[in-house]
Amino acid sequence: MSDLLYIDLMINQGTFSLNSGREPELCNNRQSIGQDVIHAILESGLATELIAERSPTLRADIFTQMELLIESDERIVPGTVVIHEETPARLWITADTDFGALSVRAEL
């Protein structure tokens, strides 16, 4: 699918990505969905809860809440979300979309 259905400003390391003309760069479809997934996690407060939680059982519950939050996005194929904890402050999130596989890194 090559239609540009979801267009957004590209964000890198918390700030807008600018081109050589100092204009904001655009991203679309899969990149836009990936950015939205990361922002949803950060804005939900689940990232803060995860960092503060030490109990493995309660951490697993937070991961489940994150998966449900991501799957609530209509652009994500339900049942395909996988979250891997690379470090306590870095997560890898994979999922399927109508535009192909999505793989994003969330820095908490």
N, C-alpha and C. Protein backbone atom coordinates (compact mmCIF):
# COMPACT_ATOMS: atom_id res chain seq x y z
N MET A 1 0.84 -1.17 0.00
CA MET A 1 0.00 0.00 0.00
C MET A 1 0.89 1.24 0.00
N SER A 2 0.80 2.08 -0.98
CA SER A 2 1.66 3.26 -1.07
C SER A 2 0.91 4.57 -0.84
N ASP A 3 -0.37 4.49 -0.52
CA ASP A 3 -1.13 5.71 -0.25
C ASP A 3 -0.63 6.35 1.04
N LEU A 4 -0.54 7.66 1.04
CA LEU A 4 -0.13 8.39 2.23
C LEU A 4 -1.38 8.74 3.04
N LEU A 5 -1.75 7.85 3.94
CA LEU A 5 -2.96 8.07 4.73
C LEU A 5 -2.68 8.83 6.03
N TYR A 6 -1.54 8.59 6.63
CA TYR A 6 -1.20 9.22 7.91
C TYR A 6 0.08 10.00 7.74
N ILE A 7 -0.01 11.31 7.83
CA ILE A 7 1.15 12.18 7.65
C ILE A 7 1.35 12.98 8.93
N ASP A 8 2.60 13.07 9.36
CA ASP A 8 2.90 13.73 10.63
C ASP A 8 4.27 14.39 10.52
N LEU A 9 4.61 15.24 11.48
CA LEU A 9 5.94 15.81 11.57
C LEU A 9 6.87 14.77 12.19
N MET A 10 8.07 14.63 11.64
CA MET A 10 9.06 13.67 12.15
C MET A 10 9.66 14.21 13.45
N ILE A 11 9.68 13.36 14.47
CA ILE A 11 10.25 13.72 15.76
C ILE A 11 11.39 12.78 16.06
N ASN A 12 12.57 13.32 16.36
CA ASN A 12 13.75 12.55 16.75
C ASN A 12 14.26 13.08 18.07
N GLN A 13 14.43 12.20 19.04
CA GLN A 13 14.95 12.55 20.36
C GLN A 13 14.18 13.71 20.99
N GLY A 14 12.86 13.68 20.84
CA GLY A 14 12.00 14.65 21.51
C GLY A 14 11.87 16.00 20.83
N THR A 15 12.43 16.17 19.65
CA THR A 15 12.33 17.45 18.96
C THR A 15 12.04 17.21 17.48
N PHE A 16 11.53 18.23 16.81
CA PHE A 16 11.23 18.10 15.39
C PHE A 16 12.51 17.91 14.59
N SER A 17 12.46 17.04 13.61
CA SER A 17 13.58 16.82 12.71
C SER A 17 13.47 17.83 11.57
N LEU A 18 14.56 18.56 11.32
CA LEU A 18 14.54 19.61 10.30
C LEU A 18 15.40 19.21 9.10
N ASN A 19 14.97 19.61 7.91
CA ASN A 19 15.76 19.35 6.70
C ASN A 19 16.80 20.45 6.53
N SER A 20 17.54 20.43 5.44
CA SER A 20 18.61 21.41 5.22
C SER A 20 18.08 22.84 5.10
N GLY A 21 16.82 23.00 4.74
CA GLY A 21 16.21 24.33 4.66
C GLY A 21 15.59 24.77 5.98
N ARG A 22 15.87 24.02 7.07
CA ARG A 22 15.36 24.30 8.42
C ARG A 22 13.84 24.23 8.47
N GLU A 23 13.26 23.38 7.61
CA GLU A 23 11.83 23.14 7.63
C GLU A 23 11.59 21.76 8.24
N PRO A 24 10.48 21.57 8.95
CA PRO A 24 10.21 20.27 9.56
C PRO A 24 10.06 19.18 8.50
N GLU A 25 10.68 18.02 8.78
CA GLU A 25 10.54 16.87 7.90
C GLU A 25 9.23 16.17 8.21
N LEU A 26 8.68 15.53 7.19
CA LEU A 26 7.44 14.79 7.37
C LEU A 26 7.71 13.29 7.39
N CYS A 27 6.85 12.57 8.08
CA CYS A 27 6.87 11.12 8.03
C CYS A 27 5.45 10.67 7.71
N ASN A 28 5.32 9.43 7.28
CA ASN A 28 3.99 8.98 6.91
C ASN A 28 3.79 7.51 7.27
N ASN A 29 2.53 7.13 7.26
CA ASN A 29 2.07 5.76 7.47
C ASN A 29 2.78 5.06 8.64
N ARG A 30 3.66 4.11 8.36
CA ARG A 30 4.25 3.30 9.42
C ARG A 30 5.06 4.14 10.41
N GLN A 31 5.85 5.09 9.92
CA GLN A 31 6.62 5.96 10.81
C GLN A 31 5.70 6.79 11.70
N SER A 32 4.64 7.31 11.13
CA SER A 32 3.68 8.11 11.88
C SER A 32 3.00 7.27 12.96
N ILE A 33 2.63 6.05 12.61
CA ILE A 33 2.00 5.16 13.58
C ILE A 33 2.99 4.83 14.70
N GLY A 34 4.24 4.59 14.36
CA GLY A 34 5.27 4.30 15.36
C GLY A 34 5.45 5.45 16.34
N GLN A 35 5.49 6.66 15.82
CA GLN A 35 5.60 7.83 16.70
C GLN A 35 4.39 7.93 17.61
N ASP A 36 3.21 7.68 17.07
CA ASP A 36 1.99 7.75 17.87
C ASP A 36 1.98 6.71 18.98
N VAL A 37 2.51 5.52 18.70
CA VAL A 37 2.59 4.46 19.71
C VAL A 37 3.48 4.90 20.87
N ILE A 38 4.65 5.44 20.54
CA ILE A 38 5.57 5.89 21.58
C ILE A 38 4.95 7.01 22.40
N HIS A 39 4.34 7.98 21.75
CA HIS A 39 3.73 9.08 22.47
C HIS A 39 2.57 8.62 23.34
N ALA A 40 1.80 7.63 22.88
CA ALA A 40 0.70 7.11 23.67
C ALA A 40 1.22 6.49 24.97
N ILE A 41 2.31 5.74 24.88
CA ILE A 41 2.88 5.12 26.07
C ILE A 41 3.40 6.17 27.04
N LEU A 42 4.13 7.14 26.52
CA LEU A 42 4.69 8.18 27.38
C LEU A 42 3.60 9.03 28.02
N GLU A 43 2.58 9.39 27.24
CA GLU A 43 1.52 10.26 27.75
C GLU A 43 0.56 9.53 28.69
N SER A 44 0.49 8.21 28.60
CA SER A 44 -0.42 7.45 29.46
C SER A 44 0.08 7.36 30.90
N GLY A 45 1.36 7.59 31.10
CA GLY A 45 1.94 7.46 32.44
C GLY A 45 2.44 6.05 32.73
N LEU A 46 2.21 5.12 31.82
CA LEU A 46 2.64 3.74 32.04
C LEU A 46 4.16 3.62 32.06
N ALA A 47 4.85 4.45 31.30
CA ALA A 47 6.31 4.42 31.28
C ALA A 47 6.87 4.79 32.65
N THR A 48 6.29 5.79 33.28
CA THR A 48 6.72 6.21 34.61
C THR A 48 6.45 5.11 35.63
N GLU A 49 5.28 4.48 35.54
CA GLU A 49 4.95 3.38 36.44
C GLU A 49 5.92 2.22 36.26
N LEU A 50 6.30 1.92 35.02
CA LEU A 50 7.21 0.82 34.76
C LEU A 50 8.58 1.07 35.36
N ILE A 51 9.07 2.28 35.22
CA ILE A 51 10.39 2.61 35.76
C ILE A 51 10.37 2.51 37.29
N ALA A 52 9.28 2.93 37.91
CA ALA A 52 9.18 2.95 39.37
C ALA A 52 8.91 1.57 39.98
N GLU A 53 8.40 0.64 39.19
CA GLU A 53 7.97 -0.66 39.72
C GLU A 53 9.11 -1.68 39.72
N ARG A 54 9.28 -2.39 40.83
CA ARG A 54 10.32 -3.41 40.94
C ARG A 54 9.76 -4.83 40.96
N SER A 55 8.51 -4.99 41.33
CA SER A 55 7.89 -6.30 41.40
C SER A 55 7.71 -6.88 40.00
N PRO A 56 8.25 -8.09 39.74
CA PRO A 56 8.08 -8.70 38.43
C PRO A 56 6.61 -8.90 38.05
N THR A 57 5.78 -9.23 39.00
CA THR A 57 4.36 -9.45 38.73
C THR A 57 3.68 -8.14 38.31
N LEU A 58 3.94 -7.07 39.03
CA LEU A 58 3.33 -5.79 38.71
C LEU A 58 3.90 -5.19 37.43
N ARG A 59 5.19 -5.47 37.15
CA ARG A 59 5.78 -5.02 35.88
C ARG A 59 5.11 -5.73 34.71
N ALA A 60 4.84 -7.02 34.87
CA ALA A 60 4.15 -7.77 33.81
C ALA A 60 2.76 -7.19 33.58
N ASP A 61 2.10 -6.75 34.64
CA ASP A 61 0.79 -6.12 34.50
C ASP A 61 0.89 -4.82 33.71
N ILE A 62 1.93 -4.04 33.95
CA ILE A 62 2.12 -2.78 33.23
C ILE A 62 2.38 -3.07 31.75
N PHE A 63 3.17 -4.11 31.45
CA PHE A 63 3.40 -4.49 30.06
C PHE A 63 2.09 -4.88 29.38
N THR A 64 1.23 -5.59 30.10
CA THR A 64 -0.08 -5.96 29.54
C THR A 64 -0.91 -4.72 29.26
N GLN A 65 -0.88 -3.76 30.18
CA GLN A 65 -1.61 -2.50 29.96
C GLN A 65 -1.07 -1.77 28.74
N MET A 66 0.25 -1.78 28.55
CA MET A 66 0.86 -1.14 27.37
C MET A 66 0.40 -1.82 26.09
N GLU A 67 0.40 -3.16 26.09
CA GLU A 67 -0.05 -3.89 24.91
C GLU A 67 -1.50 -3.56 24.58
N LEU A 68 -2.35 -3.51 25.59
CA LEU A 68 -3.76 -3.17 25.36
C LEU A 68 -3.91 -1.75 24.83
N LEU A 69 -3.12 -0.83 25.37
CA LEU A 69 -3.14 0.55 24.89
C LEU A 69 -2.75 0.62 23.42
N ILE A 70 -1.68 -0.07 23.06
CA ILE A 70 -1.22 -0.06 21.66
C ILE A 70 -2.25 -0.70 20.75
N GLU A 71 -2.82 -1.82 21.19
CA GLU A 71 -3.81 -2.51 20.36
C GLU A 71 -5.11 -1.74 20.22
N SER A 72 -5.35 -0.76 21.08
CA SER A 72 -6.56 0.05 20.95
C SER A 72 -6.49 1.00 19.76
N ASP A 73 -5.29 1.18 19.20
CA ASP A 73 -5.12 1.99 17.99
C ASP A 73 -5.66 1.18 16.82
N GLU A 74 -6.62 1.72 16.10
CA GLU A 74 -7.27 0.99 15.00
C GLU A 74 -6.32 0.65 13.86
N ARG A 75 -5.16 1.29 13.81
CA ARG A 75 -4.19 1.03 12.74
C ARG A 75 -3.30 -0.17 13.03
N ILE A 76 -3.35 -0.67 14.28
CA ILE A 76 -2.55 -1.82 14.70
C ILE A 76 -3.39 -3.09 14.59
N VAL A 77 -2.80 -4.15 14.05
CA VAL A 77 -3.50 -5.43 13.95
C VAL A 77 -3.54 -6.06 15.35
N PRO A 78 -4.73 -6.30 15.89
CA PRO A 78 -4.85 -6.86 17.25
C PRO A 78 -4.13 -8.21 17.36
N GLY A 79 -3.49 -8.41 18.50
CA GLY A 79 -2.81 -9.67 18.77
C GLY A 79 -1.39 -9.74 18.24
N THR A 80 -0.90 -8.68 17.61
CA THR A 80 0.45 -8.71 17.03
C THR A 80 1.46 -7.90 17.82
N VAL A 81 1.03 -7.24 18.88
CA VAL A 81 1.93 -6.37 19.65
C VAL A 81 2.83 -7.22 20.55
N VAL A 82 4.14 -6.96 20.46
CA VAL A 82 5.12 -7.61 21.33
C VAL A 82 6.02 -6.51 21.88
N ILE A 83 6.23 -6.52 23.19
CA ILE A 83 7.09 -5.54 23.83
C ILE A 83 8.26 -6.27 24.47
N HIS A 84 9.48 -5.89 24.10
CA HIS A 84 10.70 -6.47 24.67
C HIS A 84 11.40 -5.39 25.48
N GLU A 85 11.82 -5.75 26.68
CA GLU A 85 12.55 -4.81 27.51
C GLU A 85 14.05 -5.02 27.29
N GLU A 86 14.66 -4.09 26.56
CA GLU A 86 16.09 -4.18 26.29
C GLU A 86 16.89 -3.80 27.54
N THR A 87 16.50 -2.70 28.16
CA THR A 87 17.05 -2.24 29.44
C THR A 87 15.87 -1.70 30.23
N PRO A 88 16.06 -1.40 31.52
CA PRO A 88 14.93 -0.83 32.27
C PRO A 88 14.39 0.49 31.70
N ALA A 89 15.18 1.15 30.86
CA ALA A 89 14.74 2.43 30.30
C ALA A 89 14.57 2.39 28.78
N ARG A 90 14.62 1.18 28.18
CA ARG A 90 14.50 1.08 26.72
C ARG A 90 13.64 -0.13 26.35
N LEU A 91 12.60 0.13 25.57
CA LEU A 91 11.70 -0.93 25.12
C LEU A 91 11.71 -1.01 23.60
N TRP A 92 11.60 -2.23 23.08
CA TRP A 92 11.39 -2.44 21.65
C TRP A 92 9.96 -2.92 21.48
N ILE A 93 9.22 -2.25 20.62
CA ILE A 93 7.82 -2.58 20.38
C ILE A 93 7.67 -2.98 18.93
N THR A 94 7.09 -4.17 18.71
CA THR A 94 6.82 -4.62 17.36
C THR A 94 5.33 -4.91 17.24
N ALA A 95 4.81 -4.69 16.04
CA ALA A 95 3.39 -4.95 15.76
C ALA A 95 3.20 -4.94 14.25
N ASP A 96 2.07 -5.44 13.82
CA ASP A 96 1.72 -5.41 12.41
C ASP A 96 0.72 -4.29 12.15
N THR A 97 0.87 -3.65 10.99
CA THR A 97 -0.07 -2.62 10.55
C THR A 97 -0.48 -2.96 9.11
N ASP A 98 -1.39 -2.18 8.57
CA ASP A 98 -1.76 -2.35 7.17
C ASP A 98 -0.62 -1.97 6.23
N PHE A 99 0.40 -1.32 6.76
CA PHE A 99 1.53 -0.86 5.96
C PHE A 99 2.77 -1.72 6.17
N GLY A 100 2.62 -2.83 6.86
CA GLY A 100 3.73 -3.75 7.12
C GLY A 100 4.08 -3.79 8.59
N ALA A 101 5.16 -4.48 8.88
CA ALA A 101 5.60 -4.65 10.27
C ALA A 101 6.14 -3.33 10.82
N LEU A 102 5.85 -3.10 12.07
CA LEU A 102 6.28 -1.90 12.77
C LEU A 102 7.26 -2.31 13.85
N SER A 103 8.37 -1.62 13.96
CA SER A 103 9.34 -1.87 15.00
C SER A 103 9.90 -0.53 15.46
N VAL A 104 9.60 -0.18 16.72
CA VAL A 104 10.06 1.12 17.25
C VAL A 104 10.72 0.91 18.60
N ARG A 105 11.59 1.84 18.94
CA ARG A 105 12.29 1.83 20.23
C ARG A 105 11.76 2.99 21.05
N ALA A 106 11.38 2.69 22.27
CA ALA A 106 10.90 3.72 23.19
C ALA A 106 11.93 3.92 24.29
N GLU A 107 12.44 5.13 24.40
CA GLU A 107 13.35 5.49 25.48
C GLU A 107 12.52 6.10 26.59
N LEU A 108 12.49 5.45 27.73
CA LEU A 108 11.65 5.92 28.84
C LEU A 108 12.35 6.96 29.68
